[in-house]
């Protein structure tokens, strides 16, 4: 019986840089926390600040970086800005990380 090769897919060479940039962007602890917080749905800047316990200028700087990497989308409603994950694939990645590293407490 012949040995079967593992079914591995390599990232296409034209996708290596964008994928690496995405991973680098979410590798910062606060940016990862922001993306995790946005997993279930959009939030305002104020809500993100309150949830993460840091200042609006600090959160805005990280949101701007994630937005510039096209990982987040934003919409304005009056004087509020709402942020959400722009690419469903990022939500799937974050969901997998949460299942592995943040399992529900069954107690």
PDB file of N, CA and C in Angstrom:
ATOM      1  N   UNK A   1       0.844  -1.186   0.000  1.00  0.00           N
ATOM      2  CA  UNK A   1       0.000   0.000   0.000  1.00  0.00           C
ATOM      3  C   UNK A   1       0.881   1.238   0.000  1.00  0.00           C
ATOM      4  N   UNK A   2       0.603   2.147  -0.883  1.00  0.00           N
ATOM      5  CA  UNK A   2       1.419   3.356  -1.021  1.00  0.00           C
ATOM      6  C   UNK A   2       1.105   4.332   0.110  1.00  0.00           C
ATOM      7  N   UNK A   3       2.145   5.049   0.547  1.00  0.00           N
ATOM      8  CA  UNK A   3       1.948   6.086   1.578  1.00  0.00           C
ATOM      9  C   UNK A   3       1.194   7.252   0.981  1.00  0.00           C
ATOM     10  N   UNK A   4       0.226   7.738   1.711  1.00  0.00           N
ATOM     11  CA  UNK A   4      -0.505   8.908   1.215  1.00  0.00           C
ATOM     12  C   UNK A   4       0.173  10.171   1.725  1.00  0.00           C
ATOM     13  N   UNK A   5       0.182  11.162   0.877  1.00  0.00           N
ATOM     14  CA  UNK A   5       0.769  12.450   1.244  1.00  0.00           C
ATOM     15  C   UNK A   5      -0.252  13.238   2.040  1.00  0.00           C
ATOM     16  N   UNK A   6       0.213  13.986   3.043  1.00  0.00           N
ATOM     17  CA  UNK A   6      -0.741  14.827   3.768  1.00  0.00           C
ATOM     18  C   UNK A   6      -1.346  15.864   2.830  1.00  0.00           C
ATOM     19  N   UNK A   7      -2.597  16.164   3.052  1.00  0.00           N
ATOM     20  CA  UNK A   7      -3.300  17.153   2.232  1.00  0.00           C
ATOM     21  C   UNK A   7      -2.997  18.544   2.771  1.00  0.00           C
ATOM     22  N   UNK A   8      -1.892  19.107   2.325  1.00  0.00           N
ATOM     23  CA  UNK A   8      -1.518  20.444   2.773  1.00  0.00           C
ATOM     24  C   UNK A   8      -1.636  21.411   1.609  1.00  0.00           C
ATOM     25  N   UNK A   9      -2.143  22.567   1.933  1.00  0.00           N
ATOM     26  CA  UNK A   9      -2.230  23.639   0.941  1.00  0.00           C
ATOM     27  C   UNK A   9      -1.265  24.720   1.379  1.00  0.00           C
ATOM     28  N   UNK A  10      -0.417  25.121   0.484  1.00  0.00           N
ATOM     29  CA  UNK A  10       0.471  26.228   0.769  1.00  0.00           C
ATOM     30  C   UNK A  10      -0.239  27.523   0.411  1.00  0.00           C
ATOM     31  N   UNK A  11       0.091  28.549   1.141  1.00  0.00           N
ATOM     32  CA  UNK A  11      -0.448  29.859   0.791  1.00  0.00           C
ATOM     33  C   UNK A  11       0.198  30.275  -0.518  1.00  0.00           C
ATOM     34  N   UNK A  12      -0.620  30.763  -1.424  1.00  0.00           N
ATOM     35  CA  UNK A  12      -0.077  31.214  -2.709  1.00  0.00           C
ATOM     36  C   UNK A  12       0.967  32.296  -2.470  1.00  0.00           C
ATOM     37  N   UNK A  13       1.987  32.309  -3.282  1.00  0.00           N
ATOM     38  CA  UNK A  13       3.084  33.259  -3.095  1.00  0.00           C
ATOM     39  C   UNK A  13       2.615  34.714  -3.131  1.00  0.00           C
ATOM     40  N   UNK A  14       1.566  35.008  -3.885  1.00  0.00           N
ATOM     41  CA  UNK A  14       1.073  36.382  -3.937  1.00  0.00           C
ATOM     42  C   UNK A  14       0.235  36.740  -2.708  1.00  0.00           C
ATOM     43  N   UNK A  15      -0.033  35.768  -1.852  1.00  0.00           N
ATOM     44  CA  UNK A  15      -0.809  36.009  -0.639  1.00  0.00           C
ATOM     45  C   UNK A  15       0.030  36.010   0.627  1.00  0.00           C
ATOM     46  N   UNK A  16       1.290  35.596   0.538  1.00  0.00           N
ATOM     47  CA  UNK A  16       2.147  35.506   1.729  1.00  0.00           C
ATOM     48  C   UNK A  16       2.241  36.849   2.450  1.00  0.00           C
ATOM     49  N   UNK A  17       2.550  37.897   1.727  1.00  0.00           N
ATOM     50  CA  UNK A  17       2.735  39.212   2.353  1.00  0.00           C
ATOM     51  C   UNK A  17       1.449  39.732   3.001  1.00  0.00           C
ATOM     52  N   UNK A  18       0.304  39.688   2.312  1.00  0.00           N
ATOM     53  CA  UNK A  18      -0.924  40.161   2.967  1.00  0.00           C
ATOM     54  C   UNK A  18      -1.298  39.346   4.208  1.00  0.00           C
ATOM     55  N   UNK A  19      -1.119  38.041   4.155  1.00  0.00           N
ATOM     56  CA  UNK A  19      -1.441  37.208   5.320  1.00  0.00           C
ATOM     57  C   UNK A  19      -0.493  37.527   6.467  1.00  0.00           C
ATOM     58  N   UNK A  20       0.784  37.682   6.170  1.00  0.00           N
ATOM     59  CA  UNK A  20       1.765  38.030   7.206  1.00  0.00           C
ATOM     60  C   UNK A  20       1.436  39.390   7.824  1.00  0.00           C
ATOM     61  N   UNK A  21       1.022  40.347   7.008  1.00  0.00           N
ATOM     62  CA  UNK A  21       0.648  41.669   7.520  1.00  0.00           C
ATOM     63  C   UNK A  21      -0.566  41.583   8.450  1.00  0.00           C
ATOM     64  N   UNK A  22      -1.528  40.752   8.088  1.00  0.00           N
ATOM     65  CA  UNK A  22      -2.714  40.558   8.921  1.00  0.00           C
ATOM     66  C   UNK A  22      -2.320  39.968  10.272  1.00  0.00           C
ATOM     67  N   UNK A  23      -1.511  38.941  10.254  1.00  0.00           N
ATOM     68  CA  UNK A  23      -1.089  38.297  11.495  1.00  0.00           C
ATOM     69  C   UNK A  23      -0.275  39.265  12.347  1.00  0.00           C
ATOM     70  N   UNK A  24       0.578  40.030  11.701  1.00  0.00           N
ATOM     71  CA  UNK A  24       1.382  41.014  12.432  1.00  0.00           C
ATOM     72  C   UNK A  24       0.481  42.079  13.071  1.00  0.00           C
ATOM     73  N   UNK A  25      -0.556  42.505  12.360  1.00  0.00           N
ATOM     74  CA  UNK A  25      -1.443  43.548  12.871  1.00  0.00           C
ATOM     75  C   UNK A  25      -2.200  43.083  14.111  1.00  0.00           C
ATOM     76  N   UNK A  26      -2.608  41.835  14.156  1.00  0.00           N
ATOM     77  CA  UNK A  26      -3.377  41.364  15.311  1.00  0.00           C
ATOM     78  C   UNK A  26      -2.492  40.759  16.399  1.00  0.00           C
ATOM     79  N   UNK A  27      -1.183  40.738  16.180  1.00  0.00           N
ATOM     80  CA  UNK A  27      -0.273  40.139  17.154  1.00  0.00           C
ATOM     81  C   UNK A  27      -0.095  40.995  18.408  1.00  0.00           C
ATOM     82  N   UNK A  28      -0.417  42.260  18.349  1.00  0.00           N
ATOM     83  CA  UNK A  28      -0.315  43.134  19.524  1.00  0.00           C
ATOM     84  C   UNK A  28      -1.447  42.780  20.497  1.00  0.00           C
ATOM     85  N   UNK A  29      -1.162  42.666  21.789  1.00  0.00           N
ATOM     86  CA  UNK A  29      -2.201  42.251  22.743  1.00  0.00           C
ATOM     87  C   UNK A  29      -3.471  43.102  22.718  1.00  0.00           C
ATOM     88  N   UNK A  30      -3.346  44.405  22.640  1.00  0.00           N
ATOM     89  CA  UNK A  30      -4.540  45.253  22.641  1.00  0.00           C
ATOM     90  C   UNK A  30      -5.324  45.112  21.338  1.00  0.00           C
ATOM     91  N   UNK A  31      -4.625  45.011  20.225  1.00  0.00           N
ATOM     92  CA  UNK A  31      -5.325  44.832  18.939  1.00  0.00           C
ATOM     93  C   UNK A  31      -6.011  43.471  18.884  1.00  0.00           C
ATOM     94  N   UNK A  32      -5.377  42.445  19.441  1.00  0.00           N
ATOM     95  CA  UNK A  32      -6.014  41.133  19.494  1.00  0.00           C
ATOM     96  C   UNK A  32      -7.270  41.200  20.367  1.00  0.00           C
ATOM     97  N   UNK A  33      -7.180  41.910  21.480  1.00  0.00           N
ATOM     98  CA  UNK A  33      -8.340  42.077  22.355  1.00  0.00           C
ATOM     99  C   UNK A  33      -9.471  42.815  21.630  1.00  0.00           C
ATOM    100  N   UNK A  34      -9.128  43.826  20.864  1.00  0.00           N
ATOM    101  CA  UNK A  34     -10.130  44.573  20.094  1.00  0.00           C
ATOM    102  C   UNK A  34     -10.830  43.649  19.105  1.00  0.00           C
ATOM    103  N   UNK A  35     -10.058  42.880  18.361  1.00  0.00           N
ATOM    104  CA  UNK A  35     -10.630  41.983  17.356  1.00  0.00           C
ATOM    105  C   UNK A  35     -11.506  40.926  18.033  1.00  0.00           C
ATOM    106  N   UNK A  36     -11.058  40.392  19.168  1.00  0.00           N
ATOM    107  CA  UNK A  36     -11.875  39.421  19.907  1.00  0.00           C
ATOM    108  C   UNK A  36     -13.183  40.054  20.362  1.00  0.00           C
ATOM    109  N   UNK A  37     -13.115  41.278  20.829  1.00  0.00           N
ATOM    110  CA  UNK A  37     -14.299  41.996  21.293  1.00  0.00           C
ATOM    111  C   UNK A  37     -15.287  42.234  20.155  1.00  0.00           C
ATOM    112  N   UNK A  38     -14.768  42.453  18.959  1.00  0.00           N
ATOM    113  CA  UNK A  38     -15.621  42.737  17.801  1.00  0.00           C
ATOM    114  C   UNK A  38     -16.144  41.474  17.128  1.00  0.00           C
ATOM    115  N   UNK A  39     -15.671  40.316  17.561  1.00  0.00           N
ATOM    116  CA  UNK A  39     -16.110  39.052  16.958  1.00  0.00           C
ATOM    117  C   UNK A  39     -17.615  38.898  16.885  1.00  0.00           C
ATOM    118  N   UNK A  40     -18.328  39.124  17.984  1.00  0.00           N
ATOM    119  CA  UNK A  40     -19.785  38.961  17.952  1.00  0.00           C
ATOM    120  C   UNK A  40     -20.531  40.058  17.192  1.00  0.00           C
ATOM    121  N   UNK A  41     -19.914  41.201  16.980  1.00  0.00           N
ATOM    122  CA  UNK A  41     -20.597  42.275  16.262  1.00  0.00           C
ATOM    123  C   UNK A  41     -19.964  43.621  16.531  1.00  0.00           C
ATOM    124  N   UNK A  42     -20.508  44.627  15.900  1.00  0.00           N
ATOM    125  CA  UNK A  42     -19.923  45.958  15.968  1.00  0.00           C
ATOM    126  C   UNK A  42     -20.058  46.585  17.348  1.00  0.00           C
ATOM    127  N   UNK A  43     -19.130  47.500  17.611  1.00  0.00           N
ATOM    128  CA  UNK A  43     -19.116  48.259  18.870  1.00  0.00           C
ATOM    129  C   UNK A  43     -18.648  49.673  18.573  1.00  0.00           C
ATOM    130  N   UNK A  44     -19.059  50.583  19.456  1.00  0.00           N
ATOM    131  CA  UNK A  44     -18.571  51.955  19.335  1.00  0.00           C
ATOM    132  C   UNK A  44     -17.190  52.058  19.972  1.00  0.00           C
ATOM    133  N   UNK A  45     -16.495  53.127  19.646  1.00  0.00           N
ATOM    134  CA  UNK A  45     -15.186  53.381  20.243  1.00  0.00           C
ATOM    135  C   UNK A  45     -15.329  53.464  21.768  1.00  0.00           C
ATOM    136  N   UNK A  46     -16.370  54.132  22.236  1.00  0.00           N
ATOM    137  CA  UNK A  46     -16.600  54.277  23.678  1.00  0.00           C
ATOM    138  C   UNK A  46     -16.791  52.910  24.336  1.00  0.00           C
ATOM    139  N   UNK A  47     -17.566  52.059  23.714  1.00  0.00           N
ATOM    140  CA  UNK A  47     -17.790  50.713  24.260  1.00  0.00           C
ATOM    141  C   UNK A  47     -16.486  49.922  24.325  1.00  0.00           C
ATOM    142  N   UNK A  48     -15.681  50.037  23.286  1.00  0.00           N
ATOM    143  CA  UNK A  48     -14.398  49.329  23.260  1.00  0.00           C
ATOM    144  C   UNK A  48     -13.500  49.841  24.383  1.00  0.00           C
ATOM    145  N   UNK A  49     -13.439  51.163  24.551  1.00  0.00           N
ATOM    146  CA  UNK A  49     -12.627  51.759  25.616  1.00  0.00           C
ATOM    147  C   UNK A  49     -13.074  51.265  26.985  1.00  0.00           C
ATOM    148  N   UNK A  50     -14.371  51.277  27.216  1.00  0.00           N
ATOM    149  CA  UNK A  50     -14.892  50.845  28.515  1.00  0.00           C
ATOM    150  C   UNK A  50     -14.595  49.376  28.766  1.00  0.00           C
ATOM    151  N   UNK A  51     -14.791  48.553  27.767  1.00  0.00           N
ATOM    152  CA  UNK A  51     -14.579  47.110  27.916  1.00  0.00           C
ATOM    153  C   UNK A  51     -13.108  46.776  28.162  1.00  0.00           C
ATOM    154  N   UNK A  52     -12.219  47.480  27.487  1.00  0.00           N
ATOM    155  CA  UNK A  52     -10.792  47.166  27.593  1.00  0.00           C
ATOM    156  C   UNK A  52     -10.072  48.015  28.626  1.00  0.00           C
ATOM    157  N   UNK A  53     -10.749  49.011  29.163  1.00  0.00           N
ATOM    158  CA  UNK A  53     -10.181  49.800  30.243  1.00  0.00           C
ATOM    159  C   UNK A  53      -8.978  50.643  29.853  1.00  0.00           C
ATOM    160  N   UNK A  54      -9.049  51.242  28.694  1.00  0.00           N
ATOM    161  CA  UNK A  54      -7.964  52.123  28.272  1.00  0.00           C
ATOM    162  C   UNK A  54      -8.558  53.385  27.648  1.00  0.00           C
ATOM    163  N   UNK A  55      -7.699  54.296  27.266  1.00  0.00           N
ATOM    164  CA  UNK A  55      -8.144  55.610  26.809  1.00  0.00           C
ATOM    165  C   UNK A  55      -8.599  55.604  25.349  1.00  0.00           C
ATOM    166  N   UNK A  56      -9.413  56.598  25.033  1.00  0.00           N
ATOM    167  CA  UNK A  56      -9.903  56.733  23.657  1.00  0.00           C
ATOM    168  C   UNK A  56      -8.767  56.975  22.665  1.00  0.00           C
ATOM    169  N   UNK A  57      -7.783  57.845  22.964  1.00  0.00           N
ATOM    170  CA  UNK A  57      -6.697  58.021  21.993  1.00  0.00           C
ATOM    171  C   UNK A  57      -5.909  56.730  21.741  1.00  0.00           C
ATOM    172  N   UNK A  58      -5.699  55.944  22.793  1.00  0.00           N
ATOM    173  CA  UNK A  58      -4.976  54.688  22.638  1.00  0.00           C
ATOM    174  C   UNK A  58      -5.763  53.712  21.770  1.00  0.00           C
ATOM    175  N   UNK A  59      -7.053  53.559  22.051  1.00  0.00           N
ATOM    176  CA  UNK A  59      -7.900  52.655  21.261  1.00  0.00           C
ATOM    177  C   UNK A  59      -7.989  53.141  19.820  1.00  0.00           C
ATOM    178  N   UNK A  60      -8.152  54.447  19.636  1.00  0.00           N
ATOM    179  CA  UNK A  60      -8.266  54.998  18.278  1.00  0.00           C
ATOM    180  C   UNK A  60      -7.018  54.716  17.439  1.00  0.00           C
ATOM    181  N   UNK A  61      -5.873  54.797  18.060  1.00  0.00           N
ATOM    182  CA  UNK A  61      -4.625  54.510  17.344  1.00  0.00           C
ATOM    183  C   UNK A  61      -4.616  53.059  16.849  1.00  0.00           C
ATOM    184  N   UNK A  62      -5.021  52.136  17.707  1.00  0.00           N
ATOM    185  CA  UNK A  62      -5.035  50.720  17.319  1.00  0.00           C
ATOM    186  C   UNK A  62      -6.147  50.426  16.313  1.00  0.00           C
ATOM    187  N   UNK A  63      -7.306  51.052  16.490  1.00  0.00           N
ATOM    188  CA  UNK A  63      -8.386  50.882  15.523  1.00  0.00           C
ATOM    189  C   UNK A  63      -7.966  51.390  14.146  1.00  0.00           C
ATOM    190  N   UNK A  64      -7.266  52.503  14.125  1.00  0.00           N
ATOM    191  CA  UNK A  64      -6.795  53.081  12.866  1.00  0.00           C
ATOM    192  C   UNK A  64      -5.853  52.123  12.141  1.00  0.00           C
ATOM    193  N   UNK A  65      -4.941  51.517  12.883  1.00  0.00           N
ATOM    194  CA  UNK A  65      -4.015  50.571  12.266  1.00  0.00           C
ATOM    195  C   UNK A  65      -4.777  49.372  11.696  1.00  0.00           C
ATOM    196  N   UNK A  66      -5.703  48.829  12.463  1.00  0.00           N
ATOM    197  CA  UNK A  66      -6.485  47.679  11.983  1.00  0.00           C
ATOM    198  C   UNK A  66      -7.362  48.057  10.790  1.00  0.00           C
ATOM    199  N   UNK A  67      -7.899  49.273  10.814  1.00  0.00           N
ATOM    200  CA  UNK A  67      -8.719  49.759   9.701  1.00  0.00           C
ATOM    201  C   UNK A  67      -7.863  49.941   8.450  1.00  0.00           C
ATOM    202  N   UNK A  68      -6.669  50.501   8.612  1.00  0.00           N
ATOM    203  CA  UNK A  68      -5.768  50.695   7.469  1.00  0.00           C
ATOM    204  C   UNK A  68      -5.307  49.381   6.859  1.00  0.00           C
ATOM    205  N   UNK A  69      -5.261  48.336   7.671  1.00  0.00           N
ATOM    206  CA  UNK A  69      -4.921  46.999   7.165  1.00  0.00           C
ATOM    207  C   UNK A  69      -6.142  46.309   6.547  1.00  0.00           C
ATOM    208  N   UNK A  70      -7.267  47.010   6.519  1.00  0.00           N
ATOM    209  CA  UNK A  70      -8.541  46.528   5.968  1.00  0.00           C
ATOM    210  C   UNK A  70      -9.090  45.328   6.739  1.00  0.00           C
ATOM    211  N   UNK A  71      -8.738  45.259   8.037  1.00  0.00           N
ATOM    212  CA  UNK A  71      -9.255  44.193   8.888  1.00  0.00           C
ATOM    213  C   UNK A  71     -10.556  44.603   9.558  1.00  0.00           C
ATOM    214  N   UNK A  72     -10.750  45.928   9.711  1.00  0.00           N
ATOM    215  CA  UNK A  72     -11.970  46.455  10.304  1.00  0.00           C
ATOM    216  C   UNK A  72     -12.668  47.375   9.328  1.00  0.00           C
ATOM    217  N   UNK A  73     -13.979  47.469   9.495  1.00  0.00           N
ATOM    218  CA  UNK A  73     -14.764  48.460   8.754  1.00  0.00           C
ATOM    219  C   UNK A  73     -15.416  49.348   9.792  1.00  0.00           C
ATOM    220  N   UNK A  74     -15.765  50.531   9.379  1.00  0.00           N
ATOM    221  CA  UNK A  74     -16.394  51.462  10.314  1.00  0.00           C
ATOM    222  C   UNK A  74     -17.579  52.137   9.632  1.00  0.00           C
ATOM    223  N   UNK A  75     -18.475  52.591  10.475  1.00  0.00           N
ATOM    224  CA  UNK A  75     -19.608  53.381   9.983  1.00  0.00           C
ATOM    225  C   UNK A  75     -19.894  54.436  11.036  1.00  0.00           C
ATOM    226  N   UNK A  76     -20.349  55.564  10.569  1.00  0.00           N
ATOM    227  CA  UNK A  76     -20.639  56.680  11.457  1.00  0.00           C
ATOM    228  C   UNK A  76     -22.147  56.826  11.587  1.00  0.00           C
ATOM    229  N   UNK A  77     -22.588  57.041  12.822  1.00  0.00           N
ATOM    230  CA  UNK A  77     -23.995  57.280  13.097  1.00  0.00           C
ATOM    231  C   UNK A  77     -24.045  58.455  14.065  1.00  0.00           C
ATOM    232  N   UNK A  78     -24.330  59.642  13.528  1.00  0.00           N
ATOM    233  CA  UNK A  78     -24.271  60.856  14.342  1.00  0.00           C
ATOM    234  C   UNK A  78     -22.834  61.121  14.748  1.00  0.00           C
ATOM    235  N   UNK A  79     -22.610  61.232  16.045  1.00  0.00           N
ATOM    236  CA  UNK A  79     -21.238  61.484  16.497  1.00  0.00           C
ATOM    237  C   UNK A  79     -20.554  60.204  16.973  1.00  0.00           C
ATOM    238  N   UNK A  80     -21.180  59.075  16.742  1.00  0.00           N
ATOM    239  CA  UNK A  80     -20.590  57.788  17.132  1.00  0.00           C
ATOM    240  C   UNK A  80     -20.007  57.077  15.921  1.00  0.00           C
ATOM    241  N   UNK A  81     -18.863  56.422  16.136  1.00  0.00           N
ATOM    242  CA  UNK A  81     -18.261  55.591  15.101  1.00  0.00           C
ATOM    243  C   UNK A  81     -18.328  54.154  15.578  1.00  0.00           C
ATOM    244  N   UNK A  82     -18.888  53.297  14.737  1.00  0.00           N
ATOM    245  CA  UNK A  82     -19.004  51.873  15.035  1.00  0.00           C
ATOM    246  C   UNK A  82     -17.960  51.107  14.226  1.00  0.00           C
ATOM    247  N   UNK A  83     -17.305  50.162  14.878  1.00  0.00           N
ATOM    248  CA  UNK A  83     -16.320  49.322  14.208  1.00  0.00           C
ATOM    249  C   UNK A  83     -16.788  47.884  14.213  1.00  0.00           C
ATOM    250  N   UNK A  84     -16.439  47.164  13.151  1.00  0.00           N
ATOM    251  CA  UNK A  84     -16.754  45.746  13.019  1.00  0.00           C
ATOM    252  C   UNK A  84     -15.643  45.082  12.219  1.00  0.00           C
ATOM    253  N   UNK A  85     -15.579  43.788  12.313  1.00  0.00           N
ATOM    254  CA  UNK A  85     -14.600  43.035  11.526  1.00  0.00           C
ATOM    255  C   UNK A  85     -15.025  43.088  10.069  1.00  0.00           C
ATOM    256  N   UNK A  86     -14.085  43.399   9.196  1.00  0.00           N
ATOM    257  CA  UNK A  86     -14.395  43.600   7.777  1.00  0.00           C
ATOM    258  C   UNK A  86     -14.394  42.306   6.973  1.00  0.00           C
ATOM    259  N   UNK A  87     -13.667  41.310   7.427  1.00  0.00           N
ATOM    260  CA  UNK A  87     -13.483  40.087   6.650  1.00  0.00           C
ATOM    261  C   UNK A  87     -13.895  38.891   7.504  1.00  0.00           C
ATOM    262  N   UNK A  88     -14.862  38.143   7.040  1.00  0.00           N
ATOM    263  CA  UNK A  88     -15.369  36.989   7.784  1.00  0.00           C
ATOM    264  C   UNK A  88     -14.256  35.992   8.110  1.00  0.00           C
ATOM    265  N   UNK A  89     -13.244  35.915   7.273  1.00  0.00           N
ATOM    266  CA  UNK A  89     -12.143  34.980   7.548  1.00  0.00           C
ATOM    267  C   UNK A  89     -11.440  35.326   8.853  1.00  0.00           C
ATOM    268  N   UNK A  90     -11.310  36.616   9.154  1.00  0.00           N
ATOM    269  CA  UNK A  90     -10.695  37.029  10.416  1.00  0.00           C
ATOM    270  C   UNK A  90     -11.567  36.593  11.584  1.00  0.00           C
ATOM    271  N   UNK A  91     -12.874  36.703  11.447  1.00  0.00           N
ATOM    272  CA  UNK A  91     -13.783  36.235  12.494  1.00  0.00           C
ATOM    273  C   UNK A  91     -13.605  34.742  12.732  1.00  0.00           C
ATOM    274  N   UNK A  92     -13.427  33.996  11.663  1.00  0.00           N
ATOM    275  CA  UNK A  92     -13.231  32.549  11.782  1.00  0.00           C
ATOM    276  C   UNK A  92     -11.915  32.232  12.499  1.00  0.00           C
ATOM    277  N   UNK A  93     -10.862  32.963  12.167  1.00  0.00           N
ATOM    278  CA  UNK A  93      -9.566  32.765  12.823  1.00  0.00           C
ATOM    279  C   UNK A  93      -9.683  33.064  14.311  1.00  0.00           C
ATOM    280  N   UNK A  94     -10.297  34.190  14.644  1.00  0.00           N
ATOM    281  CA  UNK A  94     -10.459  34.575  16.046  1.00  0.00           C
ATOM    282  C   UNK A  94     -11.322  33.548  16.773  1.00  0.00           C
ATOM    283  N   UNK A  95     -12.368  33.062  16.116  1.00  0.00           N
ATOM    284  CA  UNK A  95     -13.211  32.027  16.714  1.00  0.00           C
ATOM    285  C   UNK A  95     -12.422  30.767  17.043  1.00  0.00           C
ATOM    286  N   UNK A  96     -11.537  30.366  16.133  1.00  0.00           N
ATOM    287  CA  UNK A  96     -10.698  29.188  16.384  1.00  0.00           C
ATOM    288  C   UNK A  96      -9.748  29.431  17.548  1.00  0.00           C
ATOM    289  N   UNK A  97      -9.129  30.611  17.591  1.00  0.00           N
ATOM    290  CA  UNK A  97      -8.228  30.934  18.699  1.00  0.00           C
ATOM    291  C   UNK A  97      -8.973  30.926  20.031  1.00  0.00           C
ATOM    292  N   UNK A  98     -10.188  31.462  20.036  1.00  0.00           N
ATOM    293  CA  UNK A  98     -10.971  31.489  21.277  1.00  0.00           C
ATOM    294  C   UNK A  98     -11.334  30.087  21.732  1.00  0.00           C
ATOM    295  N   UNK A  99     -11.680  29.206  20.797  1.00  0.00           N
ATOM    296  CA  UNK A  99     -12.007  27.820  21.156  1.00  0.00           C
ATOM    297  C   UNK A  99     -10.797  27.114  21.764  1.00  0.00           C
ATOM    298  N   UNK A 100      -9.628  27.400  21.238  1.00  0.00           N
ATOM    299  CA  UNK A 100      -8.417  26.741  21.723  1.00  0.00           C
ATOM    300  C   UNK A 100      -7.941  27.342  23.046  1.00  0.00           C
ATOM    301  N   UNK A 101      -7.862  28.669  23.101  1.00  0.00           N
ATOM    302  CA  UNK A 101      -7.229  29.342  24.242  1.00  0.00           C
ATOM    303  C   UNK A 101      -8.198  29.910  25.269  1.00  0.00           C
ATOM    304  N   UNK A 102      -9.450  30.052  24.916  1.00  0.00           N
ATOM    305  CA  UNK A 102     -10.426  30.651  25.840  1.00  0.00           C
ATOM    306  C   UNK A 102     -11.672  29.787  25.901  1.00  0.00           C
ATOM    307  N   UNK A 103     -11.525  28.510  26.254  1.00  0.00           N
ATOM    308  CA  UNK A 103     -12.722  27.660  26.278  1.00  0.00           C
ATOM    309  C   UNK A 103     -13.715  28.137  27.327  1.00  0.00           C
ATOM    310  N   UNK A 104     -14.979  27.896  27.059  1.00  0.00           N
ATOM    311  CA  UNK A 104     -16.034  28.275  27.998  1.00  0.00           C
ATOM    312  C   UNK A 104     -15.785  27.562  29.312  1.00  0.00           C
ATOM    313  N   UNK A 105     -16.036  28.262  30.389  1.00  0.00           N
ATOM    314  CA  UNK A 105     -15.923  27.675  31.724  1.00  0.00           C
ATOM    315  C   UNK A 105     -17.193  26.868  31.967  1.00  0.00           C
ATOM    316  N   UNK A 106     -17.043  25.570  32.152  1.00  0.00           N
ATOM    317  CA  UNK A 106     -18.200  24.699  32.345  1.00  0.00           C
ATOM    318  C   UNK A 106     -18.647  24.625  33.800  1.00  0.00           C
ATOM    319  N   UNK A 107     -18.064  25.441  34.668  1.00  0.00           N
ATOM    320  CA  UNK A 107     -18.428  25.366  36.088  1.00  0.00           C
ATOM    321  C   UNK A 107     -19.748  26.030  36.371  1.00  0.00           C
TER     322      UNK A 107
END
